Amino acid sequence: MDLKFSKISLFASLVFITMGYSQDQKNKKNVANIDLSHWTLTTPAQDPKKPGKTFDLNYPEIFDFASNETAKKYMYEDAKDKSIVFYAFPSGVSTANSHFSRSELRETMEIGNKNVNWTFAQGGYFKGTYAIEDVSKEADGKYSRVIIAQIHGILTDSQQELIGQKDKNAAPILKIFWDQGKIRVKTKVLKNQNASLKDMLPATAWGDDKGRDFKEKIDFNTKFTLEIKVSDGRLEVIMNGSESFVYEDINIKKWGVFENYFKAGNYFQSTNANTFAKVKIYDLQVSH
């Protein structure tokens, strides 16, 4: 057989297989409008192969969340209203640097690769349509709080090496809560505005701002839309296409040293027994 012809045939076969596989993944739809190829899932369950670690679904396993015996307890479809429900409760299993459980999606800009992330200079756009299906009450009669969207920071290899940190964790510059029927937005502030690069990299260098609440009340099973617009030195959060909060202060500008990724779902903020939350997402779009 001609060697050149053999190589061409092999290449053509590989291209065909790759294209077929990619098309197969694109055909794996869910009832919501979410392209799961650019997300990974963290659940409140323990990974049976990694004691103490959360049970996660990465690409391409995430496409089969609805039939996965473990994942489908925490991320499942509601075919009636075409949403995906994210359920979380205090399971006692959490990710590193947290003591709260979550049923939450984590963005991957490059399919299946958590090492490729984005900066504010690169920019980002997030749009999600949500509803809060149900949330438990605490002993004081107030509803449990739940984070439904985030922009989380991540250290680069060189930044991790600079501060000698064991992982790449950085602070979340943005957290959006459902809190007592209000959508609450919190960002981070640098504790020492004159901090050097090395001193501003640890998550402990950043504190929480006072937070801001959108005026509209969000009752259970009421759809609402959140948009997040990110550009160099600027962060904007928009609710239902009208009311918005804009952040262009020194803290946002200094945050430009970090890489980031979006998160969406149910990051439950209680560790008390018999508490839970169910968050629905109908549509989720991200671009850069």
Protein backbone atom coordinates (compact mmCIF):
# COMPACT_ATOMS: atom_id res chain seq x y z
CA MET A 1 0.00 0.00 0.00
CA ASP A 2 1.23 3.51 -0.83
CA LEU A 3 2.45 5.11 2.42
CA LYS A 4 1.26 8.59 1.42
CA PHE A 5 -2.20 7.28 0.59
CA SER A 6 -2.29 5.37 3.88
CA LYS A 7 -1.51 8.52 5.90
CA ILE A 8 -4.17 10.51 4.05
CA SER A 9 -6.75 7.79 4.69
CA LEU A 10 -5.87 7.64 8.36
CA PHE A 11 -6.13 11.45 8.68
CA ALA A 12 -9.49 11.46 6.91
CA SER A 13 -10.77 8.74 9.23
CA LEU A 14 -9.68 10.66 12.32
CA VAL A 15 -11.32 13.84 11.04
CA PHE A 16 -14.54 11.94 10.36
CA ILE A 17 -14.53 10.37 13.82
CA THR A 18 -13.80 13.71 15.51
CA MET A 19 -16.52 15.51 13.55
CA GLY A 20 -18.96 12.73 14.30
CA TYR A 21 -18.18 12.83 18.01
CA SER A 22 -18.54 16.62 18.13
CA GLN A 23 -21.86 16.47 16.33
CA ASP A 24 -23.03 13.72 18.68
CA GLN A 25 -22.34 15.97 21.66
CA LYS A 26 -24.15 18.91 20.07
CA ASN A 27 -27.18 16.68 19.59
CA LYS A 28 -27.34 15.95 23.31
CA LYS A 29 -29.92 18.55 24.24
CA ASN A 30 -31.62 19.21 27.57
CA VAL A 31 -35.06 20.71 28.19
CA ALA A 32 -33.51 24.07 29.12
CA ASN A 33 -31.55 26.30 26.76
CA ILE A 34 -28.11 25.51 28.17
CA ASP A 35 -25.08 24.38 26.17
CA LEU A 36 -23.53 22.07 28.74
CA SER A 37 -20.36 21.59 26.69
CA HIS A 38 -18.98 24.74 28.34
CA TRP A 39 -19.85 23.84 31.95
CA THR A 40 -18.90 21.37 34.67
CA LEU A 41 -21.08 20.38 37.62
CA THR A 42 -20.34 20.17 41.34
CA THR A 43 -22.89 18.36 43.54
CA PRO A 44 -23.43 17.96 47.32
CA ALA A 45 -22.69 14.25 47.00
CA GLN A 46 -19.44 12.56 47.95
CA ASP A 47 -17.36 11.02 45.20
CA PRO A 48 -17.20 7.27 46.01
CA LYS A 49 -13.75 7.09 44.40
CA LYS A 50 -12.43 10.13 46.29
CA PRO A 51 -13.62 10.15 49.93
CA GLY A 52 -14.17 13.67 51.23
CA LYS A 53 -14.38 15.13 47.71
CA THR A 54 -17.53 16.28 45.94
CA PHE A 55 -19.07 14.23 43.15
CA ASP A 56 -18.57 16.26 39.95
CA LEU A 57 -19.46 15.84 36.31
CA ASN A 58 -17.06 17.13 33.70
CA TYR A 59 -17.20 17.10 29.91
CA PRO A 60 -18.54 14.96 28.28
CA GLU A 61 -20.17 13.10 31.22
CA ILE A 62 -22.21 16.19 32.09
CA PHE A 63 -24.39 15.59 29.01
CA ASP A 64 -25.77 12.50 30.76
CA PHE A 65 -26.62 14.22 34.06
CA ALA A 66 -30.30 13.26 33.78
CA SER A 67 -29.47 9.55 33.77
CA ASN A 68 -26.55 9.62 36.19
CA GLU A 69 -27.78 7.96 39.39
CA THR A 70 -25.89 10.36 41.65
CA ALA A 71 -26.03 13.63 39.72
CA LYS A 72 -29.74 13.45 38.89
CA LYS A 73 -30.64 13.89 42.56
CA TYR A 74 -29.14 17.39 42.48
CA MET A 75 -29.45 18.49 38.85
CA TYR A 76 -32.55 17.32 37.04
CA GLU A 77 -34.98 18.37 34.34
CA ASP A 78 -38.48 19.77 34.79
CA ALA A 79 -39.98 18.93 31.41
CA LYS A 80 -43.22 20.81 32.15
CA ASP A 81 -41.66 24.27 32.22
CA LYS A 82 -38.42 23.41 30.38
CA SER A 83 -36.02 24.18 33.19
CA ILE A 84 -33.16 22.45 34.95
CA VAL A 85 -33.51 22.28 38.74
CA PHE A 86 -30.47 22.58 41.00
CA TYR A 87 -31.08 21.11 44.46
CA ALA A 88 -28.74 21.48 47.43
CA PHE A 89 -28.81 20.89 51.17
CA PRO A 90 -26.11 20.67 53.90
CA SER A 91 -24.71 17.27 52.98
CA GLY A 92 -21.49 17.65 54.94
CA VAL A 93 -19.52 17.49 51.69
CA SER A 94 -18.12 20.71 50.24
CA THR A 95 -15.42 21.94 47.92
CA ALA A 96 -12.05 23.18 49.19
CA ASN A 97 -12.12 26.65 50.81
CA SER A 98 -15.83 26.34 51.66
CA HIS A 99 -18.09 24.70 54.24
CA PHE A 100 -21.29 25.08 52.20
CA SER A 101 -22.74 22.51 49.81
CA ARG A 102 -23.57 23.34 46.20
CA SER A 103 -25.27 22.10 43.07
CA GLU A 104 -23.57 24.51 40.73
CA LEU A 105 -22.20 24.87 37.22
CA ARG A 106 -18.68 26.14 36.58
CA GLU A 107 -17.81 27.75 33.25
CA THR A 108 -15.10 26.32 31.02
CA MET A 109 -14.17 28.71 28.19
CA GLU A 110 -12.39 25.92 26.37
CA ILE A 111 -14.43 22.71 26.36
CA GLY A 112 -13.27 20.37 29.12
CA ASN A 113 -10.40 22.63 30.21
CA LYS A 114 -10.52 24.53 33.53
CA ASN A 115 -7.07 26.02 32.92
CA VAL A 116 -8.31 28.51 30.31
CA ASN A 117 -10.06 31.47 31.94
CA TRP A 118 -10.64 35.17 31.26
CA THR A 119 -9.69 38.60 32.56
CA PHE A 120 -11.77 41.75 32.83
CA ALA A 121 -9.68 43.20 30.00
CA GLN A 122 -10.89 40.34 27.78
CA GLY A 123 -14.44 40.95 28.97
CA GLY A 124 -17.41 38.68 29.49
CA TYR A 125 -21.18 38.52 29.19
CA PHE A 126 -23.56 36.33 31.20
CA LYS A 127 -27.32 36.04 30.88
CA GLY A 128 -29.49 33.62 32.82
CA THR A 129 -33.23 33.17 33.24
CA TYR A 130 -34.07 31.82 36.68
CA ALA A 131 -36.84 30.98 39.12
CA ILE A 132 -36.59 30.03 42.80
CA GLU A 133 -38.71 26.92 43.23
CA ASP A 134 -38.42 26.49 46.98
CA VAL A 135 -36.21 27.49 49.92
CA SER A 136 -36.40 26.31 53.53
CA LYS A 137 -36.72 28.50 56.59
CA GLU A 138 -34.19 28.76 59.39
CA ALA A 139 -34.95 28.57 63.12
CA ASP A 140 -35.49 32.36 63.21
CA GLY A 141 -38.25 32.11 60.60
CA LYS A 142 -36.20 33.65 57.80
CA TYR A 143 -35.56 31.87 54.55
CA SER A 144 -32.15 30.31 53.97
CA ARG A 145 -29.91 32.28 51.62
CA VAL A 146 -28.67 30.93 48.32
CA ILE A 147 -26.08 32.21 45.84
CA ILE A 148 -27.35 31.76 42.28
CA ALA A 149 -24.52 33.30 40.21
CA GLN A 150 -20.86 34.21 40.70
CA ILE A 151 -17.72 35.50 39.08
CA HIS A 152 -14.93 33.60 40.77
CA GLY A 153 -11.26 34.49 40.62
CA ILE A 154 -8.47 32.02 39.92
CA LEU A 155 -4.71 32.38 40.19
CA THR A 156 -2.39 31.84 37.27
CA ASP A 157 0.53 29.45 37.65
CA SER A 158 2.94 32.33 38.24
CA GLN A 159 0.63 33.98 40.80
CA GLN A 160 0.23 30.72 42.69
CA GLU A 161 4.00 30.31 42.76
CA LEU A 162 4.53 33.93 43.83
CA ILE A 163 2.52 33.51 47.05
CA GLY A 164 3.30 29.83 47.60
CA GLN A 165 -0.37 28.80 47.72
CA LYS A 166 -1.28 25.11 47.49
CA ASP A 167 -4.11 25.73 45.03
CA LYS A 168 -5.25 28.35 42.52
CA ASN A 169 -8.18 29.65 44.57
CA ALA A 170 -8.82 33.40 44.56
CA ALA A 171 -11.71 35.42 45.95
CA PRO A 172 -15.06 35.68 44.10
CA ILE A 173 -15.37 39.28 42.85
CA LEU A 174 -19.14 38.89 42.43
CA LYS A 175 -21.84 36.97 44.27
CA ILE A 176 -25.55 37.25 43.46
CA PHE A 177 -27.93 35.99 46.16
CA TRP A 178 -31.61 35.25 46.49
CA ASP A 179 -32.14 36.62 50.00
CA GLN A 180 -35.61 36.93 51.59
CA GLY A 181 -37.24 37.48 48.21
CA LYS A 182 -34.70 40.04 47.03
CA ILE A 183 -31.84 39.67 44.56
CA ARG A 184 -28.77 40.88 46.41
CA VAL A 185 -25.44 41.74 44.78
CA LYS A 186 -22.15 41.70 46.65
CA THR A 187 -18.66 42.48 45.36
CA LYS A 188 -15.21 42.43 46.93
CA VAL A 189 -13.15 45.36 48.23
CA LEU A 190 -9.39 45.33 48.68
CA LYS A 191 -8.62 45.77 52.37
CA ASN A 192 -5.37 47.63 51.68
CA GLN A 193 -5.65 49.82 48.60
CA ASN A 194 -1.84 50.19 48.52
CA ALA A 195 -1.17 46.45 48.58
CA SER A 196 1.51 45.07 46.26
CA LEU A 197 0.62 42.44 43.66
CA LYS A 198 1.86 39.69 45.98
CA ASP A 199 -0.19 41.02 48.88
CA MET A 200 -3.44 41.39 46.91
CA LEU A 201 -3.47 37.84 45.49
CA PRO A 202 -4.62 35.86 48.58
CA ALA A 203 -8.40 35.62 49.03
CA THR A 204 -7.95 36.99 52.56
CA ALA A 205 -6.76 40.31 51.10
CA TRP A 206 -10.33 41.02 49.98
CA GLY A 207 -13.41 41.75 52.07
CA ASP A 208 -17.12 42.04 51.24
CA ASP A 209 -18.82 45.29 50.36
CA LYS A 210 -22.13 46.22 52.04
CA GLY A 211 -24.18 44.75 49.20
CA ARG A 212 -27.04 46.18 47.14
CA ASP A 213 -30.60 44.88 46.65
CA PHE A 214 -32.66 45.19 43.49
CA LYS A 215 -36.04 46.77 44.23
CA GLU A 216 -38.23 44.08 42.65
CA LYS A 217 -39.38 41.25 44.90
CA ILE A 218 -38.89 37.74 43.53
CA ASP A 219 -41.47 35.28 44.83
CA PHE A 220 -41.20 31.52 44.44
CA ASN A 221 -41.67 30.19 40.89
CA THR A 222 -41.43 33.66 39.37
CA LYS A 223 -39.13 33.95 36.36
CA PHE A 224 -36.48 36.66 36.33
CA THR A 225 -33.43 37.43 34.23
CA LEU A 226 -29.93 38.38 35.31
CA GLU A 227 -27.27 39.86 33.06
CA ILE A 228 -23.63 40.44 33.93
CA LYS A 229 -21.46 42.64 31.72
CA VAL A 230 -17.72 42.72 32.34
CA SER A 231 -15.13 44.95 30.70
CA ASP A 232 -11.79 46.46 31.67
CA GLY A 233 -12.32 48.19 35.03
CA ARG A 234 -16.10 47.87 34.86
CA LEU A 235 -18.77 45.46 36.15
CA GLU A 236 -22.51 45.79 35.56
CA VAL A 237 -25.34 43.61 36.89
CA ILE A 238 -28.79 44.00 35.28
CA MET A 239 -32.09 42.55 36.46
CA ASN A 240 -35.01 41.97 34.09
CA GLY A 241 -33.45 44.25 31.49
CA SER A 242 -34.13 47.42 33.46
CA GLU A 243 -32.64 48.09 36.89
CA SER A 244 -28.85 47.83 37.03
CA PHE A 245 -25.89 48.26 39.35
CA VAL A 246 -22.60 49.54 37.90
CA TYR A 247 -19.21 49.16 39.59
CA GLU A 248 -16.26 51.17 38.26
CA ASP A 249 -14.32 51.82 41.45
CA ILE A 250 -10.68 51.22 42.35
CA ASN A 251 -11.46 47.71 43.57
CA ILE A 252 -12.77 46.62 40.17
CA LYS A 253 -9.77 48.18 38.45
CA LYS A 254 -7.31 46.38 40.74
CA TRP A 255 -9.19 43.13 40.18
CA GLY A 256 -7.82 43.21 36.64
CA VAL A 257 -4.80 41.14 37.74
CA PHE A 258 -6.97 38.04 38.18
CA GLU A 259 -8.36 35.49 35.76
CA ASN A 260 -12.02 34.50 36.29
CA TYR A 261 -14.86 32.15 35.43
CA PHE A 262 -18.66 32.36 35.74
CA LYS A 263 -20.70 30.09 38.02
CA ALA A 264 -24.45 29.48 38.06
CA GLY A 265 -26.88 27.34 40.03
CA ASN A 266 -27.40 26.73 43.74
CA TYR A 267 -24.59 27.50 46.19
CA PHE A 268 -26.57 26.95 49.39
CA GLN A 269 -25.66 29.19 52.32
CA SER A 270 -26.78 27.17 55.33
CA THR A 271 -25.31 24.29 57.31
CA ASN A 272 -28.36 23.77 59.52
CA ALA A 273 -30.27 20.47 59.56
CA ASN A 274 -33.40 20.13 57.40
CA THR A 275 -32.59 23.14 55.22
CA PHE A 276 -32.49 23.13 51.42
CA ALA A 277 -33.03 25.15 48.26
CA LYS A 278 -34.19 24.44 44.70
CA VAL A 279 -33.16 26.84 41.94
CA LYS A 280 -34.41 26.64 38.36
CA ILE A 281 -32.53 27.80 35.28
CA TYR A 282 -34.35 28.06 31.94
CA ASP A 283 -31.71 29.74 29.82
CA LEU A 284 -28.00 30.30 30.28
CA GLN A 285 -25.78 32.17 27.83
CA VAL A 286 -22.12 33.17 28.19
CA SER A 287 -19.78 34.87 25.74
CA HIS A 288 -16.36 36.55 25.68
